Amino acid sequence: MNEDREFDDEAMPAADINMTPLIDVMLVLLVIFMVTLPVLHQSAKLALPRANSQREDVAAPHVDIVVDAQGRMSWNAQPVQDSGLSARLAAAARLSPQPEIRLSADRATPYGRIAKLLSAASAAGLARVGFVTEPDAPRRAE
């Protein structure tokens, strides 16, 4: 009878689950989530401008600043140096209502030059800056 008992123990199926493949799959999923999660949450808060199709009020006060390809600036068609720019921006910021800065820059103007101008306008307290562009030429139907 003792021999029958040993035979019965061997014939019974094992009730244990092999956990190794399950753990491997879970670790792979964990690594995938750890890699993709930071990518999904990268964002920057932007205050994007709104475009409308209404005509601009021509009588609104504005200042035209033109920057050419060499980085030379003019304030309402009068040449201005970097040293006098901050004083003019501060004077414009004190006006009521504040004028809009209309910035026209050549395509070849270095970006650093425009960034310094925008930074100076922001530091002076001017919040309304517009970029003047030329419309694209109409394309011919081919």
Protein backbone atom coordinates (compact mmCIF):
# COMPACT_ATOMS: atom_id res chain seq x y z
CA MET A 1 0.00 0.00 0.00
CA ASN A 2 2.89 2.24 0.60
CA GLU A 3 3.92 1.76 -3.00
CA ASP A 4 0.47 2.80 -4.21
CA ARG A 5 0.72 6.01 -2.28
CA GLU A 6 3.98 6.97 -3.92
CA PHE A 7 2.46 6.27 -7.31
CA ASP A 8 -0.55 8.48 -6.56
CA ASP A 9 1.69 11.44 -5.56
CA GLU A 10 3.54 11.25 -8.86
CA ALA A 11 0.34 11.00 -10.91
CA MET A 12 -1.23 14.15 -9.41
CA PRO A 13 -0.71 17.30 -11.50
CA ALA A 14 1.32 20.13 -9.97
CA ALA A 15 -0.85 22.95 -8.66
CA ASP A 16 1.92 25.59 -8.88
CA ILE A 17 1.98 28.17 -11.72
CA ASN A 18 5.29 28.99 -13.32
CA MET A 19 5.67 32.70 -12.49
CA THR A 20 8.86 33.40 -14.48
CA PRO A 21 7.21 34.24 -17.83
CA LEU A 22 4.61 36.40 -16.11
CA ILE A 23 7.29 38.36 -14.24
CA ASP A 24 9.27 38.82 -17.48
CA VAL A 25 6.24 40.24 -19.27
CA MET A 26 5.44 42.59 -16.39
CA LEU A 27 9.02 43.89 -16.28
CA VAL A 28 8.98 44.57 -20.02
CA LEU A 29 5.68 46.45 -19.68
CA LEU A 30 7.07 48.44 -16.77
CA VAL A 31 10.10 49.49 -18.80
CA ILE A 32 7.89 50.49 -21.74
CA PHE A 33 5.70 52.66 -19.52
CA MET A 34 8.71 54.23 -17.82
CA VAL A 35 10.14 55.22 -21.18
CA THR A 36 6.95 56.52 -22.80
CA LEU A 37 5.32 58.32 -19.87
CA PRO A 38 7.72 61.29 -19.69
CA VAL A 39 7.34 61.85 -23.43
CA LEU A 40 3.57 62.09 -23.12
CA HIS A 41 3.66 64.77 -20.43
CA GLN A 42 6.15 67.20 -21.97
CA SER A 43 4.32 70.36 -22.88
CA ALA A 44 4.77 74.08 -22.73
CA LYS A 45 2.15 76.66 -21.87
CA LEU A 46 1.78 79.05 -24.78
CA ALA A 47 -0.35 82.13 -25.17
CA LEU A 48 -0.96 81.86 -28.89
CA PRO A 49 -2.19 84.90 -30.81
CA ARG A 50 -5.67 84.84 -32.23
CA ALA A 51 -6.22 85.71 -35.87
CA ASN A 52 -9.33 87.37 -37.19
CA SER A 53 -10.48 88.54 -40.55
CA GLN A 54 -11.54 92.02 -39.43
CA ARG A 55 -9.75 95.02 -40.80
CA GLU A 56 -7.27 96.64 -38.46
CA ASP A 57 -8.16 99.96 -36.91
CA VAL A 58 -5.97 102.40 -38.81
CA ALA A 59 -6.42 105.17 -36.23
CA ALA A 60 -5.00 103.04 -33.39
CA PRO A 61 -1.65 104.36 -32.15
CA HIS A 62 1.33 102.39 -33.37
CA VAL A 63 5.09 102.58 -33.74
CA ASP A 64 6.78 101.13 -36.81
CA ILE A 65 10.15 99.53 -36.11
CA VAL A 66 12.10 98.29 -39.12
CA VAL A 67 15.18 96.09 -38.83
CA ASP A 68 17.22 95.54 -41.99
CA ALA A 69 19.49 92.62 -42.87
CA GLN A 70 22.53 94.31 -41.29
CA GLY A 71 20.66 94.81 -38.01
CA ARG A 72 20.15 98.59 -38.35
CA MET A 73 16.89 99.83 -36.84
CA SER A 74 14.55 102.69 -37.56
CA TRP A 75 11.78 104.05 -35.34
CA ASN A 76 8.95 105.50 -37.45
CA ALA A 77 11.37 105.86 -40.40
CA GLN A 78 14.05 107.60 -38.27
CA PRO A 79 17.31 105.72 -37.58
CA VAL A 80 17.74 104.70 -33.95
CA GLN A 81 20.71 103.20 -32.11
CA ASP A 82 20.56 100.47 -29.48
CA SER A 83 21.35 102.99 -26.76
CA GLY A 84 18.30 105.13 -27.59
CA LEU A 85 15.94 102.24 -28.20
CA SER A 86 15.23 101.43 -24.54
CA ALA A 87 14.45 105.09 -23.78
CA ARG A 88 12.00 105.26 -26.69
CA LEU A 89 10.36 101.99 -25.67
CA ALA A 90 9.96 103.22 -22.08
CA ALA A 91 8.45 106.51 -23.31
CA ALA A 92 6.03 104.60 -25.55
CA ALA A 93 5.02 102.36 -22.62
CA ARG A 94 4.06 105.44 -20.56
CA LEU A 95 1.61 106.66 -23.23
CA SER A 96 -2.08 106.08 -22.78
CA PRO A 97 -3.24 104.10 -24.67
CA GLN A 98 -0.07 102.18 -25.28
CA PRO A 99 0.89 102.03 -28.94
CA GLU A 100 1.29 98.75 -30.75
CA ILE A 101 4.80 97.95 -31.89
CA ARG A 102 4.73 96.91 -35.55
CA LEU A 103 7.93 95.07 -36.24
CA SER A 104 9.15 94.66 -39.82
CA ALA A 105 12.33 92.63 -40.15
CA ASP A 106 14.28 91.46 -43.17
CA ARG A 107 14.42 87.70 -43.69
CA ALA A 108 18.20 87.79 -43.35
CA THR A 109 18.08 89.57 -39.97
CA PRO A 110 19.73 87.40 -37.30
CA TYR A 111 17.19 86.00 -34.86
CA GLY A 112 19.25 87.20 -31.89
CA ARG A 113 18.69 90.79 -32.97
CA ILE A 114 14.91 90.34 -33.02
CA ALA A 115 14.97 88.50 -29.69
CA LYS A 116 16.84 91.40 -28.04
CA LEU A 117 14.30 93.87 -29.44
CA LEU A 118 11.36 91.82 -28.17
CA SER A 119 13.02 91.45 -24.77
CA ALA A 120 13.58 95.21 -24.54
CA ALA A 121 9.93 95.90 -25.44
CA SER A 122 8.74 93.43 -22.81
CA ALA A 123 11.04 94.92 -20.17
CA ALA A 124 9.69 98.40 -20.97
CA GLY A 125 6.14 97.15 -20.38
CA LEU A 126 4.87 97.03 -23.96
CA ALA A 127 2.61 94.05 -24.46
CA ARG A 128 1.27 94.63 -27.97
CA VAL A 129 3.79 93.62 -30.61
CA GLY A 130 2.78 92.77 -34.16
CA PHE A 131 4.89 91.28 -36.92
CA VAL A 132 4.46 92.86 -40.34
CA THR A 133 4.68 90.40 -43.21
CA GLU A 134 4.05 90.47 -46.90
CA PRO A 135 1.34 88.23 -48.31
CA ASP A 136 2.44 85.35 -50.48
CA ALA A 137 2.15 85.90 -54.20
CA PRO A 138 -0.88 84.15 -55.67
CA ARG A 139 0.02 80.87 -57.33
CA ARG A 140 -0.86 80.20 -60.90
CA ALA A 141 -2.96 77.18 -61.69
CA GLU A 142 -0.92 74.69 -63.62
